[in-house]
Amino acid sequence: MPSPPLVGDAHGNYRVHIVGNSGNPFTLGKQLADILGVPFISLDTLFWKPGWVKLTEHTMGAKVRQALANCPNGWVVDGNYSRRIGPIIEDASTDMIWLDPPLALYLPRIVWRTFLRLLKLEPLCSPGCPEMLSKVLFSKESIVWWCITYHRVVRDRENARMAQIGLGIGSNIDGQKMRRIGGWGRELHAWIGDVKRMLRRE
């Protein structure tokens, strides 16, 4: 029997963590939160203070725990800060969705959204953190540079996590909650449709 599009908990609540390379999870996160009727939490928004100032690991961990605690009936979180805060979100989630489209699909979208942010036509990554042309073009912290250089790193990391908690992998059924969605968009569109149909049946 195939797995449901979302696992959830015994009370019909969904705590969904969306991971992937930079810029991928954000749009789906907002859409899925609206479908489920739960709050959307962007880790980038929590992490970056005005002027691109980073939170300390301790402060970031505390903010994430508080954000999750404020949403007892479910949430959707986008982003992966496990190197800074450990497995806080993974442990609390009922579902993990790994967005893994081809680089050729999402890189142009990242470039376009970054260009719109430069022109102040797109919401900022975090309040008080405007895009700067010098950072976009020449900084190794540029989201465009990050997407290119970390595409393989992220894929290897999430493949390893899939081997541990991927749905339909291994024998630890209780711990299986991670789903990979790849391709050029058809697979994602079909999955969103499955989520909506599941909710209508509940």
N, C-alpha and C. Protein backbone atom coordinates (compact mmCIF):
# COMPACT_ATOMS: atom_id res chain seq x y z
N MET A 1 0.85 -1.19 0.00
CA MET A 1 0.00 0.00 0.00
C MET A 1 0.89 1.25 0.00
N PRO A 2 0.67 2.19 -0.91
CA PRO A 2 1.53 3.37 -0.97
C PRO A 2 1.37 4.26 0.25
N SER A 3 2.43 4.99 0.58
CA SER A 3 2.39 5.89 1.72
C SER A 3 1.50 7.09 1.40
N PRO A 4 0.82 7.65 2.40
CA PRO A 4 0.05 8.88 2.17
C PRO A 4 1.00 10.02 1.83
N PRO A 5 0.52 11.08 1.21
CA PRO A 5 1.41 12.19 0.84
C PRO A 5 2.04 12.87 2.05
N LEU A 6 1.35 12.84 3.19
CA LEU A 6 1.91 13.31 4.45
C LEU A 6 1.57 12.30 5.54
N VAL A 7 2.51 12.08 6.44
CA VAL A 7 2.32 11.07 7.49
C VAL A 7 1.51 11.64 8.64
N GLY A 8 1.89 12.82 9.14
CA GLY A 8 1.20 13.43 10.26
C GLY A 8 1.39 12.65 11.55
N ASP A 9 0.64 13.07 12.59
CA ASP A 9 0.72 12.35 13.84
C ASP A 9 -0.62 11.67 14.13
N ALA A 10 -0.74 11.07 15.29
CA ALA A 10 -1.95 10.31 15.62
C ALA A 10 -3.16 11.21 15.80
N HIS A 11 -2.97 12.51 15.89
CA HIS A 11 -4.07 13.44 16.14
C HIS A 11 -4.42 14.25 14.89
N GLY A 12 -3.87 13.87 13.75
CA GLY A 12 -4.19 14.58 12.51
C GLY A 12 -3.48 15.90 12.34
N ASN A 13 -2.38 16.08 13.06
CA ASN A 13 -1.58 17.30 12.93
C ASN A 13 -0.37 17.04 12.04
N TYR A 14 0.06 18.07 11.32
CA TYR A 14 1.18 17.92 10.41
C TYR A 14 2.25 18.96 10.76
N ARG A 15 3.44 18.46 11.01
CA ARG A 15 4.60 19.31 11.28
C ARG A 15 5.63 18.98 10.20
N VAL A 16 5.69 19.83 9.20
CA VAL A 16 6.41 19.51 7.96
C VAL A 16 7.67 20.35 7.85
N HIS A 17 8.78 19.69 7.64
CA HIS A 17 10.07 20.35 7.43
C HIS A 17 10.45 20.17 5.96
N ILE A 18 10.59 21.27 5.23
CA ILE A 18 10.95 21.22 3.82
C ILE A 18 12.42 21.60 3.67
N VAL A 19 13.19 20.73 3.04
CA VAL A 19 14.62 20.96 2.88
C VAL A 19 14.98 20.91 1.41
N GLY A 20 16.18 21.38 1.09
CA GLY A 20 16.66 21.41 -0.28
C GLY A 20 17.71 22.49 -0.40
N ASN A 21 18.19 22.72 -1.60
CA ASN A 21 19.19 23.76 -1.80
C ASN A 21 18.54 25.14 -1.64
N SER A 22 19.36 26.17 -1.46
CA SER A 22 18.88 27.51 -1.15
C SER A 22 17.82 27.97 -2.14
N GLY A 23 16.75 28.56 -1.59
CA GLY A 23 15.71 29.15 -2.42
C GLY A 23 14.63 28.18 -2.85
N ASN A 24 14.91 26.87 -2.81
CA ASN A 24 13.92 25.90 -3.27
C ASN A 24 12.71 25.76 -2.35
N PRO A 25 12.92 25.60 -1.03
CA PRO A 25 11.79 25.26 -0.18
C PRO A 25 10.81 26.39 0.09
N PHE A 26 11.24 27.66 -0.06
CA PHE A 26 10.45 28.78 0.44
C PHE A 26 9.07 28.85 -0.19
N THR A 27 8.96 28.83 -1.52
CA THR A 27 7.67 28.97 -2.19
C THR A 27 6.74 27.83 -1.83
N LEU A 28 7.23 26.60 -1.87
CA LEU A 28 6.40 25.46 -1.49
C LEU A 28 5.98 25.57 -0.03
N GLY A 29 6.87 26.03 0.83
CA GLY A 29 6.54 26.13 2.24
C GLY A 29 5.33 26.99 2.50
N LYS A 30 5.29 28.16 1.88
CA LYS A 30 4.16 29.06 2.05
C LYS A 30 2.88 28.44 1.49
N GLN A 31 2.99 27.82 0.31
CA GLN A 31 1.82 27.21 -0.31
C GLN A 31 1.27 26.07 0.54
N LEU A 32 2.16 25.21 1.03
CA LEU A 32 1.73 24.06 1.82
C LEU A 32 1.11 24.50 3.15
N ALA A 33 1.69 25.52 3.77
CA ALA A 33 1.13 26.03 5.03
C ALA A 33 -0.29 26.53 4.81
N ASP A 34 -0.54 27.20 3.70
CA ASP A 34 -1.89 27.68 3.39
C ASP A 34 -2.84 26.51 3.19
N ILE A 35 -2.38 25.47 2.50
CA ILE A 35 -3.23 24.30 2.26
C ILE A 35 -3.59 23.60 3.57
N LEU A 36 -2.62 23.47 4.46
CA LEU A 36 -2.83 22.78 5.73
C LEU A 36 -3.50 23.67 6.78
N GLY A 37 -3.47 24.99 6.56
CA GLY A 37 -4.02 25.91 7.53
C GLY A 37 -3.18 26.01 8.79
N VAL A 38 -1.86 25.99 8.61
CA VAL A 38 -0.94 26.07 9.75
C VAL A 38 0.06 27.20 9.50
N PRO A 39 0.76 27.67 10.54
CA PRO A 39 1.75 28.74 10.34
C PRO A 39 2.94 28.28 9.49
N PHE A 40 3.49 29.24 8.77
CA PHE A 40 4.71 29.01 8.00
C PHE A 40 5.87 29.70 8.70
N ILE A 41 6.96 28.97 8.89
CA ILE A 41 8.14 29.49 9.60
C ILE A 41 9.33 29.43 8.65
N SER A 42 9.88 30.59 8.31
CA SER A 42 11.07 30.65 7.46
C SER A 42 12.30 30.76 8.35
N LEU A 43 13.19 29.80 8.25
CA LEU A 43 14.40 29.83 9.07
C LEU A 43 15.31 30.99 8.67
N ASP A 44 15.33 31.36 7.40
CA ASP A 44 16.14 32.51 6.99
C ASP A 44 15.67 33.78 7.69
N THR A 45 14.36 33.94 7.80
CA THR A 45 13.81 35.13 8.46
C THR A 45 14.18 35.15 9.94
N LEU A 46 14.20 33.98 10.56
CA LEU A 46 14.60 33.91 11.97
C LEU A 46 16.09 34.19 12.15
N PHE A 47 16.90 33.72 11.21
CA PHE A 47 18.35 33.73 11.39
C PHE A 47 18.98 35.10 11.13
N TRP A 48 18.48 35.81 10.10
CA TRP A 48 19.12 37.06 9.69
C TRP A 48 18.48 38.25 10.39
N LYS A 49 19.29 39.01 11.11
CA LYS A 49 18.85 40.27 11.68
C LYS A 49 19.15 41.38 10.67
N PRO A 50 18.52 42.56 10.84
CA PRO A 50 18.76 43.65 9.88
C PRO A 50 20.25 43.92 9.67
N GLY A 51 20.60 44.19 8.40
CA GLY A 51 22.00 44.41 8.05
C GLY A 51 22.77 43.13 7.82
N TRP A 52 22.05 42.02 7.61
CA TRP A 52 22.67 40.71 7.38
C TRP A 52 23.53 40.27 8.56
N VAL A 53 23.08 40.58 9.77
CA VAL A 53 23.76 40.13 10.98
C VAL A 53 23.23 38.75 11.36
N LYS A 54 24.13 37.81 11.60
CA LYS A 54 23.73 36.44 11.91
C LYS A 54 23.47 36.27 13.41
N LEU A 55 22.47 35.46 13.73
CA LEU A 55 22.25 35.11 15.12
C LEU A 55 23.32 34.11 15.57
N THR A 56 23.60 34.09 16.85
CA THR A 56 24.47 33.05 17.39
C THR A 56 23.73 31.71 17.35
N GLU A 57 24.46 30.63 17.40
CA GLU A 57 23.83 29.32 17.37
C GLU A 57 22.89 29.14 18.55
N HIS A 58 23.30 29.61 19.73
CA HIS A 58 22.45 29.48 20.92
C HIS A 58 21.14 30.25 20.75
N THR A 59 21.24 31.49 20.27
CA THR A 59 20.04 32.31 20.11
C THR A 59 19.14 31.75 19.02
N MET A 60 19.73 31.27 17.93
CA MET A 60 18.95 30.69 16.85
C MET A 60 18.19 29.46 17.34
N GLY A 61 18.87 28.61 18.08
CA GLY A 61 18.21 27.42 18.61
C GLY A 61 17.03 27.78 19.50
N ALA A 62 17.21 28.78 20.36
CA ALA A 62 16.15 29.20 21.26
C ALA A 62 14.96 29.77 20.47
N LYS A 63 15.24 30.56 19.43
CA LYS A 63 14.18 31.14 18.63
C LYS A 63 13.39 30.06 17.88
N VAL A 64 14.09 29.06 17.38
CA VAL A 64 13.41 27.98 16.67
C VAL A 64 12.52 27.19 17.62
N ARG A 65 13.05 26.85 18.79
CA ARG A 65 12.23 26.10 19.76
C ARG A 65 10.98 26.89 20.13
N GLN A 66 11.12 28.19 20.33
CA GLN A 66 9.97 29.00 20.69
C GLN A 66 8.97 29.08 19.55
N ALA A 67 9.47 29.22 18.33
CA ALA A 67 8.58 29.29 17.17
C ALA A 67 7.77 28.01 17.02
N LEU A 68 8.41 26.86 17.22
CA LEU A 68 7.69 25.58 17.13
C LEU A 68 6.68 25.44 18.26
N ALA A 69 7.08 25.86 19.46
CA ALA A 69 6.18 25.76 20.62
C ALA A 69 4.94 26.63 20.45
N ASN A 70 5.07 27.71 19.69
CA ASN A 70 3.94 28.60 19.46
C ASN A 70 2.92 28.04 18.47
N CYS A 71 3.23 26.89 17.88
CA CYS A 71 2.36 26.29 16.85
C CYS A 71 2.01 24.84 17.24
N PRO A 72 1.26 24.64 18.31
CA PRO A 72 1.01 23.28 18.81
C PRO A 72 0.20 22.41 17.86
N ASN A 73 -0.55 23.01 16.93
CA ASN A 73 -1.40 22.23 16.03
C ASN A 73 -0.79 22.01 14.65
N GLY A 74 0.51 22.26 14.54
CA GLY A 74 1.19 22.00 13.27
C GLY A 74 1.88 23.22 12.71
N TRP A 75 2.79 22.98 11.78
CA TRP A 75 3.56 24.04 11.16
C TRP A 75 4.23 23.52 9.89
N VAL A 76 4.70 24.46 9.10
CA VAL A 76 5.58 24.14 7.97
C VAL A 76 6.82 25.01 8.12
N VAL A 77 7.98 24.37 8.14
CA VAL A 77 9.26 25.07 8.28
C VAL A 77 10.06 24.85 7.02
N ASP A 78 10.66 25.93 6.51
CA ASP A 78 11.54 25.77 5.35
C ASP A 78 12.97 26.10 5.74
N GLY A 79 13.89 25.38 5.12
CA GLY A 79 15.32 25.65 5.35
C GLY A 79 15.96 24.58 6.22
N ASN A 80 17.29 24.54 6.15
CA ASN A 80 18.03 23.54 6.91
C ASN A 80 19.19 24.22 7.61
N TYR A 81 19.07 24.38 8.91
CA TYR A 81 20.13 24.98 9.72
C TYR A 81 20.67 23.97 10.73
N SER A 82 20.65 22.71 10.35
CA SER A 82 21.04 21.66 11.30
C SER A 82 22.49 21.80 11.76
N ARG A 83 23.35 22.39 10.92
CA ARG A 83 24.74 22.59 11.35
C ARG A 83 24.82 23.58 12.51
N ARG A 84 23.83 24.46 12.63
CA ARG A 84 23.83 25.47 13.68
C ARG A 84 22.95 25.10 14.86
N ILE A 85 21.83 24.41 14.62
CA ILE A 85 20.88 24.16 15.70
C ILE A 85 20.66 22.67 15.96
N GLY A 86 21.36 21.81 15.22
CA GLY A 86 21.19 20.39 15.45
C GLY A 86 19.86 19.88 14.90
N PRO A 87 19.38 18.74 15.41
CA PRO A 87 18.19 18.11 14.84
C PRO A 87 16.87 18.57 15.47
N ILE A 88 16.81 19.82 15.93
CA ILE A 88 15.60 20.30 16.61
C ILE A 88 14.36 20.09 15.74
N ILE A 89 14.43 20.54 14.49
CA ILE A 89 13.25 20.49 13.62
C ILE A 89 13.02 19.07 13.13
N GLU A 90 14.07 18.39 12.75
CA GLU A 90 13.91 17.01 12.28
C GLU A 90 13.25 16.15 13.34
N ASP A 91 13.67 16.28 14.59
CA ASP A 91 13.11 15.46 15.66
C ASP A 91 11.64 15.80 15.91
N ALA A 92 11.27 17.07 15.74
CA ALA A 92 9.90 17.49 16.04
C ALA A 92 8.95 17.27 14.87
N SER A 93 9.47 17.06 13.68
CA SER A 93 8.62 16.98 12.49
C SER A 93 7.93 15.62 12.37
N THR A 94 6.76 15.64 11.74
CA THR A 94 6.09 14.39 11.37
C THR A 94 6.44 14.00 9.94
N ASP A 95 6.87 15.00 9.16
CA ASP A 95 7.18 14.78 7.74
C ASP A 95 8.36 15.63 7.33
N MET A 96 9.19 15.08 6.46
CA MET A 96 10.27 15.85 5.83
C MET A 96 10.12 15.72 4.32
N ILE A 97 10.10 16.86 3.66
CA ILE A 97 9.98 16.89 2.20
C ILE A 97 11.27 17.45 1.63
N TRP A 98 11.94 16.62 0.83
CA TRP A 98 13.19 17.05 0.20
C TRP A 98 12.89 17.45 -1.23
N LEU A 99 12.99 18.75 -1.51
CA LEU A 99 12.84 19.24 -2.87
C LEU A 99 14.18 19.11 -3.60
N ASP A 100 14.19 18.33 -4.66
CA ASP A 100 15.44 18.04 -5.36
C ASP A 100 15.28 18.17 -6.87
N PRO A 101 14.88 19.37 -7.36
CA PRO A 101 14.78 19.56 -8.80
C PRO A 101 16.16 19.72 -9.43
N PRO A 102 16.26 19.62 -10.74
CA PRO A 102 17.55 19.85 -11.40
C PRO A 102 18.03 21.29 -11.19
N LEU A 103 19.34 21.44 -11.10
CA LEU A 103 19.91 22.78 -10.95
C LEU A 103 19.48 23.69 -12.10
N ALA A 104 19.38 23.12 -13.30
CA ALA A 104 19.01 23.92 -14.47
C ALA A 104 17.59 24.47 -14.36
N LEU A 105 16.76 23.88 -13.50
CA LEU A 105 15.40 24.38 -13.32
C LEU A 105 15.36 25.52 -12.31
N TYR A 106 15.99 25.31 -11.15
CA TYR A 106 15.78 26.31 -10.10
C TYR A 106 16.81 27.43 -10.08
N LEU A 107 17.99 27.24 -10.68
CA LEU A 107 18.98 28.33 -10.67
C LEU A 107 18.47 29.58 -11.39
N PRO A 108 17.88 29.46 -12.60
CA PRO A 108 17.35 30.67 -13.23
C PRO A 108 16.29 31.37 -12.38
N ARG A 109 15.50 30.60 -11.65
CA ARG A 109 14.49 31.19 -10.78
C ARG A 109 15.14 31.97 -9.64
N ILE A 110 16.21 31.41 -9.09
CA ILE A 110 16.93 32.10 -8.02
C ILE A 110 17.51 33.41 -8.54
N VAL A 111 18.12 33.36 -9.72
CA VAL A 111 18.71 34.57 -10.31
C VAL A 111 17.63 35.62 -10.52
N TRP A 112 16.47 35.21 -11.05
CA TRP A 112 15.40 36.16 -11.33
C TRP A 112 14.85 36.77 -10.04
N ARG A 113 14.62 35.94 -8.99
CA ARG A 113 14.11 36.48 -7.73
C ARG A 113 15.12 37.41 -7.08
N THR A 114 16.40 37.08 -7.20
CA THR A 114 17.43 37.95 -6.64
C THR A 114 17.45 39.29 -7.36
N PHE A 115 17.31 39.24 -8.68
CA PHE A 115 17.26 40.48 -9.46
C PHE A 115 16.06 41.33 -9.04
N LEU A 116 14.91 40.70 -8.80
CA LEU A 116 13.72 41.44 -8.37
C LEU A 116 13.93 42.04 -6.98
N ARG A 117 14.66 41.34 -6.12
CA ARG A 117 14.95 41.90 -4.79
C ARG A 117 15.87 43.10 -4.91
N LEU A 118 16.81 43.03 -5.82
CA LEU A 118 17.69 44.18 -6.05
C LEU A 118 16.88 45.42 -6.44
N LEU A 119 15.81 45.19 -7.19
CA LEU A 119 14.96 46.28 -7.65
C LEU A 119 13.83 46.58 -6.66
N LYS A 120 13.85 45.87 -5.52
CA LYS A 120 12.82 46.05 -4.48
C LYS A 120 11.42 45.70 -5.01
N LEU A 121 11.36 44.73 -5.90
CA LEU A 121 10.09 44.26 -6.44
C LEU A 121 9.69 42.90 -5.88
N GLU A 122 10.51 42.35 -5.00
CA GLU A 122 10.27 41.05 -4.38
C GLU A 122 10.56 41.20 -2.89
N PRO A 123 9.76 40.54 -2.01
CA PRO A 123 10.04 40.63 -0.58
C PRO A 123 11.47 40.20 -0.25
N LEU A 124 12.05 40.84 0.75
CA LEU A 124 13.41 40.53 1.15
C LEU A 124 13.51 39.16 1.79
N CYS A 125 14.71 38.60 1.78
CA CYS A 125 14.96 37.33 2.45
C CYS A 125 14.58 37.42 3.92
N SER A 126 14.90 38.55 4.53
CA SER A 126 14.56 38.82 5.93
C SER A 126 14.45 40.33 6.07
N PRO A 127 13.56 40.84 6.92
CA PRO A 127 13.41 42.30 7.07
C PRO A 127 14.74 42.98 7.38
N GLY A 128 15.01 44.06 6.67
CA GLY A 128 16.24 44.81 6.91
C GLY A 128 17.47 44.23 6.25
N CYS A 129 17.26 43.26 5.33
CA CYS A 129 18.39 42.61 4.65
C CYS A 129 18.25 42.77 3.13
N PRO A 130 18.52 43.96 2.60
CA PRO A 130 18.39 44.17 1.16
C PRO A 130 19.53 43.49 0.39
N GLU A 131 19.21 43.10 -0.82
CA GLU A 131 20.25 42.55 -1.69
C GLU A 131 21.16 43.68 -2.17
N MET A 132 22.46 43.38 -2.28
CA MET A 132 23.43 44.35 -2.78
C MET A 132 24.13 43.74 -3.99
N LEU A 133 24.27 44.53 -5.04
CA LEU A 133 24.84 44.02 -6.29
C LEU A 133 26.23 43.43 -6.06
N SER A 134 27.06 44.09 -5.24
CA SER A 134 28.41 43.59 -5.00
C SER A 134 28.38 42.22 -4.33
N LYS A 135 27.43 42.03 -3.42
CA LYS A 135 27.33 40.75 -2.73
C LYS A 135 26.81 39.66 -3.65
N VAL A 136 25.84 40.02 -4.49
CA VAL A 136 25.27 39.05 -5.41
C VAL A 136 26.31 38.56 -6.41
N LEU A 137 27.15 39.49 -6.91
CA LEU A 137 28.08 39.15 -7.98
C LEU A 137 29.42 38.61 -7.48
N PHE A 138 29.90 39.11 -6.34
CA PHE A 138 31.28 38.84 -5.97
C PHE A 138 31.46 38.11 -4.63
N SER A 139 30.42 38.00 -3.83
CA SER A 139 30.57 37.37 -2.52
C SER A 139 30.32 35.87 -2.61
N LYS A 140 31.11 35.10 -1.86
CA LYS A 140 30.89 33.66 -1.80
C LYS A 140 29.64 33.32 -1.00
N GLU A 141 29.07 34.31 -0.31
CA GLU A 141 27.81 34.10 0.40
C GLU A 141 26.60 34.46 -0.46
N SER A 142 26.83 34.82 -1.71
CA SER A 142 25.74 35.08 -2.63
C SER A 142 24.88 33.83 -2.78
N ILE A 143 23.56 34.02 -2.78
CA ILE A 143 22.68 32.87 -2.90
C ILE A 143 22.88 32.16 -4.24
N VAL A 144 23.24 32.92 -5.28
CA VAL A 144 23.47 32.31 -6.59
C VAL A 144 24.72 31.42 -6.54
N TRP A 145 25.79 31.96 -5.97
CA TRP A 145 27.02 31.17 -5.83
C TRP A 145 26.79 29.96 -4.94
N TRP A 146 26.02 30.16 -3.87
CA TRP A 146 25.74 29.07 -2.93
C TRP A 146 24.99 27.93 -3.62
N CYS A 147 23.98 28.27 -4.43
CA CYS A 147 23.21 27.24 -5.13
C CYS A 147 24.09 26.40 -6.04
N ILE A 148 25.00 27.05 -6.74
CA ILE A 148 25.87 26.33 -7.67
C ILE A 148 26.85 25.42 -6.93
N THR A 149 27.49 25.96 -5.91
CA THR A 149 28.56 25.21 -5.24
C THR A 149 28.02 24.15 -4.27
N TYR A 150 26.80 24.34 -3.77
CA TYR A 150 26.29 23.40 -2.76
C TYR A 150 25.24 22.44 -3.31
N HIS A 151 24.98 22.50 -4.60
CA HIS A 151 23.98 21.59 -5.17
C HIS A 151 24.33 20.13 -4.88
N ARG A 152 25.55 19.75 -5.16
CA ARG A 152 25.97 18.37 -4.93
C ARG A 152 26.09 18.07 -3.44
N VAL A 153 26.57 19.02 -2.65
CA VAL A 153 26.70 18.83 -1.21
C VAL A 153 25.34 18.53 -0.59
N VAL A 154 24.34 19.34 -0.94
CA VAL A 154 22.99 19.15 -0.40
C VAL A 154 22.42 17.81 -0.84
N ARG A 155 22.63 17.46 -2.09
CA ARG A 155 22.09 16.20 -2.60
C ARG A 155 22.71 15.01 -1.87
N ASP A 156 24.00 15.04 -1.64
CA ASP A 156 24.66 13.95 -0.92
C ASP A 156 24.15 13.88 0.52
N ARG A 157 23.99 15.04 1.16
CA ARG A 157 23.52 15.07 2.55
C ARG A 157 22.11 14.50 2.67
N GLU A 158 21.23 14.92 1.77
CA GLU A 158 19.84 14.46 1.88
C GLU A 158 19.68 13.02 1.42
N ASN A 159 20.52 12.57 0.49
CA ASN A 159 20.51 11.14 0.15
C ASN A 159 20.86 10.29 1.35
N ALA A 160 21.84 10.75 2.14
CA ALA A 160 22.22 10.02 3.34
C ALA A 160 21.07 10.00 4.35
N ARG A 161 20.37 11.13 4.46
CA ARG A 161 19.25 11.18 5.41
C ARG A 161 18.09 10.31 4.91
N MET A 162 17.87 10.28 3.59
CA MET A 162 16.84 9.40 3.03
C MET A 162 17.10 7.95 3.37
N ALA A 163 18.37 7.57 3.35
CA ALA A 163 18.71 6.18 3.67
C ALA A 163 18.35 5.83 5.11
N GLN A 164 18.27 6.84 5.96
CA GLN A 164 17.95 6.62 7.37
C GLN A 164 16.43 6.65 7.61
N ILE A 165 15.74 7.67 7.06
CA ILE A 165 14.34 7.88 7.42
C ILE A 165 13.42 8.02 6.20
N GLY A 166 13.90 7.60 5.04
CA GLY A 166 13.09 7.72 3.84
C GLY A 166 11.90 6.77 3.84
N LEU A 167 10.76 7.23 3.36
CA LEU A 167 9.57 6.39 3.29
C LEU A 167 9.81 5.22 2.34
N GLY A 168 9.50 4.04 2.83
CA GLY A 168 9.66 2.85 2.02
C GLY A 168 11.07 2.31 1.98
N ILE A 169 11.96 2.87 2.82
CA ILE A 169 13.35 2.42 2.84
C ILE A 169 13.63 1.76 4.19
N GLY A 170 14.24 0.59 4.17
CA GLY A 170 14.61 -0.06 5.42
C GLY A 170 13.40 -0.68 6.12
N SER A 171 13.58 -0.99 7.40
CA SER A 171 12.53 -1.70 8.14
C SER A 171 12.01 -0.93 9.34
N ASN A 172 12.59 0.24 9.65
CA ASN A 172 12.15 1.02 10.81
C ASN A 172 10.96 1.89 10.41
N ILE A 173 9.79 1.27 10.31
CA ILE A 173 8.61 1.94 9.77
C ILE A 173 8.25 3.16 10.60
N ASP A 174 8.38 3.07 11.92
CA ASP A 174 7.99 4.19 12.78
C ASP A 174 8.81 5.45 12.51
N GLY A 175 10.04 5.28 12.04
CA GLY A 175 10.90 6.43 11.84
C GLY A 175 10.91 6.96 10.41
N GLN A 176 10.11 6.35 9.53
CA GLN A 176 10.14 6.72 8.13
C GLN A 176 9.19 7.89 7.88
N LYS A 177 9.75 9.03 7.48
CA LYS A 177 8.90 10.21 7.30
C LYS A 177 9.42 11.15 6.22
N MET A 178 10.46 10.76 5.49
CA MET A 178 11.07 11.66 4.52
C MET A 178 10.71 11.24 3.10
N ARG A 179 10.36 12.22 2.29
CA ARG A 179 9.96 11.98 0.90
C ARG A 179 10.79 12.89 -0.01
N ARG A 180 11.29 12.34 -1.11
CA ARG A 180 12.01 13.13 -2.10
C ARG A 180 11.09 13.48 -3.25
N ILE A 181 11.10 14.76 -3.64
CA ILE A 181 10.33 15.21 -4.80
C ILE A 181 11.31 15.86 -5.77
N GLY A 182 11.50 15.22 -6.91
CA GLY A 182 12.45 15.73 -7.90
C GLY A 182 11.75 16.10 -9.19
N GLY A 183 12.48 16.01 -10.28
CA GLY A 183 11.90 16.27 -11.59
C GLY A 183 11.74 17.75 -11.90
N TRP A 184 10.99 18.00 -12.98
CA TRP A 184 10.86 19.35 -13.53
C TRP A 184 9.56 20.03 -13.13
N GLY A 185 8.82 19.46 -12.22
CA GLY A 185 7.61 20.10 -11.71
C GLY A 185 6.40 19.20 -11.68
N ARG A 186 6.34 18.20 -12.54
CA ARG A 186 5.16 17.34 -12.60
C ARG A 186 4.98 16.55 -11.31
N GLU A 187 6.09 16.05 -10.77
CA GLU A 187 6.02 15.26 -9.54
C GLU A 187 5.53 16.12 -8.37
N LEU A 188 6.02 17.35 -8.29
CA LEU A 188 5.60 18.25 -7.23
C LEU A 188 4.13 18.61 -7.37
N HIS A 189 3.70 18.90 -8.58
CA HIS A 189 2.30 19.24 -8.82
C HIS A 189 1.39 18.09 -8.42
N ALA A 190 1.78 16.86 -8.77
CA ALA A 190 0.97 15.69 -8.44
C ALA A 190 0.91 15.49 -6.92
N TRP A 191 2.04 15.71 -6.25
CA TRP A 191 2.06 15.54 -4.79
C TRP A 191 1.16 16.56 -4.09
N ILE A 192 1.19 17.81 -4.53
CA ILE A 192 0.31 18.82 -3.94
C ILE A 192 -1.15 18.43 -4.14
N GLY A 193 -1.48 17.91 -5.31
CA GLY A 193 -2.83 17.43 -5.55
C GLY A 193 -3.21 16.30 -4.61
N ASP A 194 -2.27 15.39 -4.35
CA ASP A 194 -2.52 14.29 -3.42
C ASP A 194 -2.77 14.81 -2.01
N VAL A 195 -2.02 15.83 -1.60
CA VAL A 195 -2.22 16.41 -0.27
C VAL A 195 -3.62 17.00 -0.15
N LYS A 196 -4.06 17.73 -1.16
CA LYS A 196 -5.39 18.34 -1.12
C LYS A 196 -6.47 17.28 -1.07
N ARG A 197 -6.33 16.21 -1.85
CA ARG A 197 -7.33 15.14 -1.83
C ARG A 197 -7.34 14.45 -0.48
N MET A 198 -6.18 14.24 0.12
CA MET A 198 -6.11 13.62 1.44
C MET A 198 -6.86 14.44 2.47
N LEU A 199 -6.67 15.76 2.44
CA LEU A 199 -7.33 16.62 3.40
C LEU A 199 -8.83 16.64 3.21
N ARG A 200 -9.30 16.55 1.97
CA ARG A 200 -10.74 16.53 1.72
C ARG A 200 -11.37 15.27 2.30
N ARG A 201 -10.61 14.17 2.34
CA ARG A 201 -11.14 12.92 2.86
C ARG A 201 -11.18 12.91 4.39
N GLU A 202 -10.36 13.75 5.02
CA GLU A 202 -10.28 13.73 6.48
C GLU A 202 -11.50 14.36 7.12
